[in-house]
Every structure is written in C-alpha cells, then in structure tokens.
Amino acid sequence: MAVRDNGVGVPEDFDSESQQGLGLSIIRGLVITELSGSIEVRRRSDASGSEALIEVPLPDN
C-alpha cells in the first residue's frame, strides 16, 4: 500500500527508524511486529510531497 501527499515532503536525510513520534510508533508496531511487514517513508520521486510504502505478506491459505 502506498500513501502519498503533496506537501513539502520529508528532508533528504529523513530516517523513519529514528523517529519517536506516536503515529509512526503505532504504525511500526502494527506493520512490523504484528503483520511481519515493512514500512518505508521517503520523499516522492517527483519532489512534490512524501510517500509511505507499506508491505505485508499475504497469508498462505
């Protein structure tokens, strides 16, 4: 899943792993711990905002 905005974007050196905010902590807990997934927050390639990419594995059944 990708969530995008068209705001000012995150800084080039943004590291979501070192962020201690409540929202990102909740998302990390759910996506990584509970769903065995991954999350990446980055500047959009067209430089018009930010995007968060969330990947979770599909169940085998």
PDB file of N, CA and C in Angstrom:
ATOM      1  N   MET A   1       0.850  -1.146   0.000  1.00  0.00           N
ATOM      2  CA  MET A   1       0.000   0.000   0.000  1.00  0.00           C
ATOM      3  C   MET A   1       0.908   1.224   0.000  1.00  0.00           C
ATOM      4  N   ALA A   2       0.525   2.224  -0.764  1.00  0.00           N
ATOM      5  CA  ALA A   2       1.266   3.483  -0.795  1.00  0.00           C
ATOM      6  C   ALA A   2       0.331   4.609  -0.383  1.00  0.00           C
ATOM      7  N   VAL A   3       0.818   5.460   0.513  1.00  0.00           N
ATOM      8  CA  VAL A   3       0.077   6.648   0.927  1.00  0.00           C
ATOM      9  C   VAL A   3       0.935   7.836   0.543  1.00  0.00           C
ATOM     10  N   ARG A   4       0.363   8.753  -0.245  1.00  0.00           N
ATOM     11  CA  ARG A   4       1.126   9.902  -0.746  1.00  0.00           C
ATOM     12  C   ARG A   4       0.430  11.204  -0.386  1.00  0.00           C
ATOM     13  N   ASP A   5       1.241  12.253  -0.261  1.00  0.00           N
ATOM     14  CA  ASP A   5       0.682  13.589  -0.106  1.00  0.00           C
ATOM     15  C   ASP A   5       1.424  14.534  -1.043  1.00  0.00           C
ATOM     16  N   ASN A   6       0.963  15.763  -1.103  1.00  0.00           N
ATOM     17  CA  ASN A   6       1.612  16.747  -1.974  1.00  0.00           C
ATOM     18  C   ASN A   6       2.102  17.941  -1.170  1.00  0.00           C
ATOM     19  N   GLY A   7       2.525  17.686   0.066  1.00  0.00           N
ATOM     20  CA  GLY A   7       3.039  18.742   0.935  1.00  0.00           C
ATOM     21  C   GLY A   7       4.491  19.066   0.632  1.00  0.00           C
ATOM     22  N   VAL A   8       5.187  19.569   1.651  1.00  0.00           N
ATOM     23  CA  VAL A   8       6.582  19.990   1.483  1.00  0.00           C
ATOM     24  C   VAL A   8       7.549  18.814   1.427  1.00  0.00           C
ATOM     25  N   GLY A   9       7.103  17.636   1.809  1.00  0.00           N
ATOM     26  CA  GLY A   9       7.959  16.447   1.761  1.00  0.00           C
ATOM     27  C   GLY A   9       8.814  16.295   2.997  1.00  0.00           C
ATOM     28  N   VAL A  10       9.473  15.172   3.091  1.00  0.00           N
ATOM     29  CA  VAL A  10      10.390  14.921   4.199  1.00  0.00           C
ATOM     30  C   VAL A  10      11.791  15.314   3.755  1.00  0.00           C
ATOM     31  N   PRO A  11      12.663  15.663   4.703  1.00  0.00           N
ATOM     32  CA  PRO A  11      14.035  16.015   4.337  1.00  0.00           C
ATOM     33  C   PRO A  11      14.743  14.844   3.657  1.00  0.00           C
ATOM     34  N   GLU A  12      15.742  15.147   2.847  1.00  0.00           N
ATOM     35  CA  GLU A  12      16.502  14.113   2.143  1.00  0.00           C
ATOM     36  C   GLU A  12      17.096  13.093   3.108  1.00  0.00           C
ATOM     37  N   ASP A  13      17.513  13.544   4.294  1.00  0.00           N
ATOM     38  CA  ASP A  13      18.161  12.649   5.258  1.00  0.00           C
ATOM     39  C   ASP A  13      17.174  12.079   6.282  1.00  0.00           C
ATOM     40  N   PHE A  14      15.875  12.097   5.993  1.00  0.00           N
ATOM     41  CA  PHE A  14      14.855  11.599   6.912  1.00  0.00           C
ATOM     42  C   PHE A  14      15.050  10.112   7.160  1.00  0.00           C
ATOM     43  N   ASP A  15      15.056   9.730   8.434  1.00  0.00           N
ATOM     44  CA  ASP A  15      15.214   8.324   8.823  1.00  0.00           C
ATOM     45  C   ASP A  15      14.026   7.934   9.689  1.00  0.00           C
ATOM     46  N   SER A  16      13.071   7.210   9.123  1.00  0.00           N
ATOM     47  CA  SER A  16      11.859   6.861   9.862  1.00  0.00           C
ATOM     48  C   SER A  16      12.161   5.949  11.049  1.00  0.00           C
ATOM     49  N   GLU A  17      13.267   5.211  11.002  1.00  0.00           N
ATOM     50  CA  GLU A  17      13.631   4.322  12.112  1.00  0.00           C
ATOM     51  C   GLU A  17      13.976   5.113  13.372  1.00  0.00           C
ATOM     52  N   SER A  18      14.521   6.306  13.219  1.00  0.00           N
ATOM     53  CA  SER A  18      14.942   7.086  14.387  1.00  0.00           C
ATOM     54  C   SER A  18      13.847   8.017  14.906  1.00  0.00           C
ATOM     55  N   GLN A  19      12.730   8.094  14.228  1.00  0.00           N
ATOM     56  CA  GLN A  19      11.637   8.968  14.646  1.00  0.00           C
ATOM     57  C   GLN A  19      10.902   8.357  15.834  1.00  0.00           C
ATOM     58  N   GLN A  20      10.574   9.191  16.828  1.00  0.00           N
ATOM     59  CA  GLN A  20       9.948   8.715  18.056  1.00  0.00           C
ATOM     60  C   GLN A  20       8.500   9.165  18.204  1.00  0.00           C
ATOM     61  N   GLY A  21       7.897   9.710  17.148  1.00  0.00           N
ATOM     62  CA  GLY A  21       6.522  10.196  17.221  1.00  0.00           C
ATOM     63  C   GLY A  21       5.527   9.074  17.461  1.00  0.00           C
ATOM     64  N   LEU A  22       4.399   9.412  18.063  1.00  0.00           N
ATOM     65  CA  LEU A  22       3.382   8.424  18.406  1.00  0.00           C
ATOM     66  C   LEU A  22       2.808   7.738  17.175  1.00  0.00           C
ATOM     67  N   GLY A  23       2.465   8.499  16.145  1.00  0.00           N
ATOM     68  CA  GLY A  23       1.850   7.925  14.951  1.00  0.00           C
ATOM     69  C   GLY A  23       2.733   6.905  14.267  1.00  0.00           C
ATOM     70  N   LEU A  24       3.988   7.257  14.046  1.00  0.00           N
ATOM     71  CA  LEU A  24       4.920   6.334  13.391  1.00  0.00           C
ATOM     72  C   LEU A  24       5.213   5.126  14.280  1.00  0.00           C
ATOM     73  N   SER A  25       5.241   5.323  15.592  1.00  0.00           N
ATOM     74  CA  SER A  25       5.447   4.198  16.512  1.00  0.00           C
ATOM     75  C   SER A  25       4.303   3.200  16.428  1.00  0.00           C
ATOM     76  N   ILE A  26       3.083   3.695  16.349  1.00  0.00           N
ATOM     77  CA  ILE A  26       1.915   2.818  16.233  1.00  0.00           C
ATOM     78  C   ILE A  26       1.961   2.052  14.919  1.00  0.00           C
ATOM     79  N   ILE A  27       2.244   2.753  13.825  1.00  0.00           N
ATOM     80  CA  ILE A  27       2.304   2.106  12.514  1.00  0.00           C
ATOM     81  C   ILE A  27       3.403   1.050  12.486  1.00  0.00           C
ATOM     82  N   ARG A  28       4.583   1.384  13.014  1.00  0.00           N
ATOM     83  CA  ARG A  28       5.674   0.403  13.058  1.00  0.00           C
ATOM     84  C   ARG A  28       5.262  -0.824  13.867  1.00  0.00           C
ATOM     85  N   GLY A  29       4.617  -0.601  15.001  1.00  0.00           N
ATOM     86  CA  GLY A  29       4.184  -1.723  15.830  1.00  0.00           C
ATOM     87  C   GLY A  29       3.223  -2.637  15.097  1.00  0.00           C
ATOM     88  N   LEU A  30       2.282  -2.056  14.396  1.00  0.00           N
ATOM     89  CA  LEU A  30       1.303  -2.863  13.669  1.00  0.00           C
ATOM     90  C   LEU A  30       1.913  -3.555  12.457  1.00  0.00           C
ATOM     91  N   VAL A  31       2.579  -2.777  11.620  1.00  0.00           N
ATOM     92  CA  VAL A  31       3.083  -3.315  10.353  1.00  0.00           C
ATOM     93  C   VAL A  31       4.236  -4.293  10.567  1.00  0.00           C
ATOM     94  N   ILE A  32       5.218  -3.912  11.354  1.00  0.00           N
ATOM     95  CA  ILE A  32       6.412  -4.739  11.509  1.00  0.00           C
ATOM     96  C   ILE A  32       6.191  -5.873  12.509  1.00  0.00           C
ATOM     97  N   THR A  33       5.709  -5.533  13.702  1.00  0.00           N
ATOM     98  CA  THR A  33       5.590  -6.534  14.756  1.00  0.00           C
ATOM     99  C   THR A  33       4.407  -7.469  14.553  1.00  0.00           C
ATOM    100  N   GLU A  34       3.246  -6.911  14.301  1.00  0.00           N
ATOM    101  CA  GLU A  34       2.034  -7.730  14.212  1.00  0.00           C
ATOM    102  C   GLU A  34       1.845  -8.397  12.848  1.00  0.00           C
ATOM    103  N   LEU A  35       2.233  -7.724  11.772  1.00  0.00           N
ATOM    104  CA  LEU A  35       1.966  -8.238  10.428  1.00  0.00           C
ATOM    105  C   LEU A  35       3.214  -8.737   9.694  1.00  0.00           C
ATOM    106  N   SER A  36       4.370  -8.670  10.332  1.00  0.00           N
ATOM    107  CA  SER A  36       5.647  -9.097   9.734  1.00  0.00           C
ATOM    108  C   SER A  36       5.911  -8.394   8.405  1.00  0.00           C
ATOM    109  N   GLY A  37       5.571  -7.117   8.349  1.00  0.00           N
ATOM    110  CA  GLY A  37       5.741  -6.348   7.127  1.00  0.00           C
ATOM    111  C   GLY A  37       6.863  -5.340   7.225  1.00  0.00           C
ATOM    112  N   SER A  38       6.847  -4.388   6.314  1.00  0.00           N
ATOM    113  CA  SER A  38       7.862  -3.338   6.294  1.00  0.00           C
ATOM    114  C   SER A  38       7.207  -2.006   5.955  1.00  0.00           C
ATOM    115  N   ILE A  39       7.870  -0.935   6.357  1.00  0.00           N
ATOM    116  CA  ILE A  39       7.392   0.409   6.052  1.00  0.00           C
ATOM    117  C   ILE A  39       8.586   1.257   5.641  1.00  0.00           C
ATOM    118  N   GLU A  40       8.379   2.069   4.627  1.00  0.00           N
ATOM    119  CA  GLU A  40       9.413   2.988   4.154  1.00  0.00           C
ATOM    120  C   GLU A  40       8.757   4.341   3.940  1.00  0.00           C
ATOM    121  N   VAL A  41       9.347   5.381   4.519  1.00  0.00           N
ATOM    122  CA  VAL A  41       8.861   6.747   4.332  1.00  0.00           C
ATOM    123  C   VAL A  41       9.938   7.491   3.572  1.00  0.00           C
ATOM    124  N   ARG A  42       9.543   8.152   2.489  1.00  0.00           N
ATOM    125  CA  ARG A  42      10.537   8.835   1.661  1.00  0.00           C
ATOM    126  C   ARG A  42       9.918  10.021   0.932  1.00  0.00           C
ATOM    127  N   ARG A  43      10.805  10.810   0.359  1.00  0.00           N
ATOM    128  CA  ARG A  43      10.392  11.921  -0.493  1.00  0.00           C
ATOM    129  C   ARG A  43       9.907  11.347  -1.816  1.00  0.00           C
ATOM    130  N   ARG A  44       8.818  11.897  -2.348  1.00  0.00           N
ATOM    131  CA  ARG A  44       8.314  11.408  -3.633  1.00  0.00           C
ATOM    132  C   ARG A  44       9.327  11.687  -4.735  1.00  0.00           C
ATOM    133  N   SER A  45       9.374  10.809  -5.715  1.00  0.00           N
ATOM    134  CA  SER A  45      10.351  10.945  -6.797  1.00  0.00           C
ATOM    135  C   SER A  45      10.130  12.202  -7.627  1.00  0.00           C
ATOM    136  N   ASP A  46       8.883  12.694  -7.667  1.00  0.00           N
ATOM    137  CA  ASP A  46       8.624  13.929  -8.411  1.00  0.00           C
ATOM    138  C   ASP A  46       8.774  15.170  -7.529  1.00  0.00           C
ATOM    139  N   ALA A  47       9.308  14.996  -6.303  1.00  0.00           N
ATOM    140  CA  ALA A  47       9.608  16.080  -5.361  1.00  0.00           C
ATOM    141  C   ALA A  47       8.393  16.908  -4.977  1.00  0.00           C
ATOM    142  N   SER A  48       7.206  16.328  -5.036  1.00  0.00           N
ATOM    143  CA  SER A  48       6.010  17.096  -4.678  1.00  0.00           C
ATOM    144  C   SER A  48       5.324  16.513  -3.445  1.00  0.00           C
ATOM    145  N   GLY A  49       6.085  16.086  -2.468  1.00  0.00           N
ATOM    146  CA  GLY A  49       5.499  15.567  -1.240  1.00  0.00           C
ATOM    147  C   GLY A  49       6.235  14.344  -0.733  1.00  0.00           C
ATOM    148  N   SER A  50       5.546  13.589   0.102  1.00  0.00           N
ATOM    149  CA  SER A  50       6.106  12.387   0.720  1.00  0.00           C
ATOM    150  C   SER A  50       5.262  11.180   0.362  1.00  0.00           C
ATOM    151  N   GLU A  51       5.831  10.006   0.585  1.00  0.00           N
ATOM    152  CA  GLU A  51       5.055   8.784   0.436  1.00  0.00           C
ATOM    153  C   GLU A  51       5.519   7.772   1.470  1.00  0.00           C
ATOM    154  N   ALA A  52       4.571   7.000   1.945  1.00  0.00           N
ATOM    155  CA  ALA A  52       4.855   5.898   2.856  1.00  0.00           C
ATOM    156  C   ALA A  52       4.477   4.619   2.130  1.00  0.00           C
ATOM    157  N   LEU A  53       5.409   3.700   2.037  1.00  0.00           N
ATOM    158  CA  LEU A  53       5.177   2.418   1.378  1.00  0.00           C
ATOM    159  C   LEU A  53       5.099   1.343   2.451  1.00  0.00           C
ATOM    160  N   ILE A  54       3.986   0.642   2.495  1.00  0.00           N
ATOM    161  CA  ILE A  54       3.759  -0.405   3.486  1.00  0.00           C
ATOM    162  C   ILE A  54       3.564  -1.719   2.748  1.00  0.00           C
ATOM    163  N   GLU A  55       4.342  -2.716   3.122  1.00  0.00           N
ATOM    164  CA  GLU A  55       4.228  -4.043   2.514  1.00  0.00           C
ATOM    165  C   GLU A  55       4.003  -5.065   3.616  1.00  0.00           C
ATOM    166  N   VAL A  56       3.026  -5.937   3.416  1.00  0.00           N
ATOM    167  CA  VAL A  56       2.772  -7.042   4.340  1.00  0.00           C
ATOM    168  C   VAL A  56       2.613  -8.320   3.522  1.00  0.00           C
ATOM    169  N   PRO A  57       3.106  -9.430   4.043  1.00  0.00           N
ATOM    170  CA  PRO A  57       2.974 -10.683   3.304  1.00  0.00           C
ATOM    171  C   PRO A  57       1.530 -11.171   3.309  1.00  0.00           C
ATOM    172  N   LEU A  58       1.135 -11.819   2.231  1.00  0.00           N
ATOM    173  CA  LEU A  58      -0.195 -12.418   2.157  1.00  0.00           C
ATOM    174  C   LEU A  58      -0.173 -13.767   2.869  1.00  0.00           C
ATOM    175  N   PRO A  59      -1.284 -14.139   3.502  1.00  0.00           N
ATOM    176  CA  PRO A  59      -1.330 -15.451   4.155  1.00  0.00           C
ATOM    177  C   PRO A  59      -1.229 -16.582   3.133  1.00  0.00           C
ATOM    178  N   ASP A  60      -0.707 -17.704   3.561  1.00  0.00           N
ATOM    179  CA  ASP A  60      -0.552 -18.864   2.678  1.00  0.00           C
ATOM    180  C   ASP A  60      -1.873 -19.530   2.326  1.00  0.00           C
ATOM    181  N   ASN A  61      -2.883 -19.393   3.162  1.00  0.00           N
ATOM    182  CA  ASN A  61      -4.144 -20.113   2.917  1.00  0.00           C
ATOM    183  C   ASN A  61      -5.093 -19.371   2.042  1.00  0.00           C
TER     184      ASN A  61
END
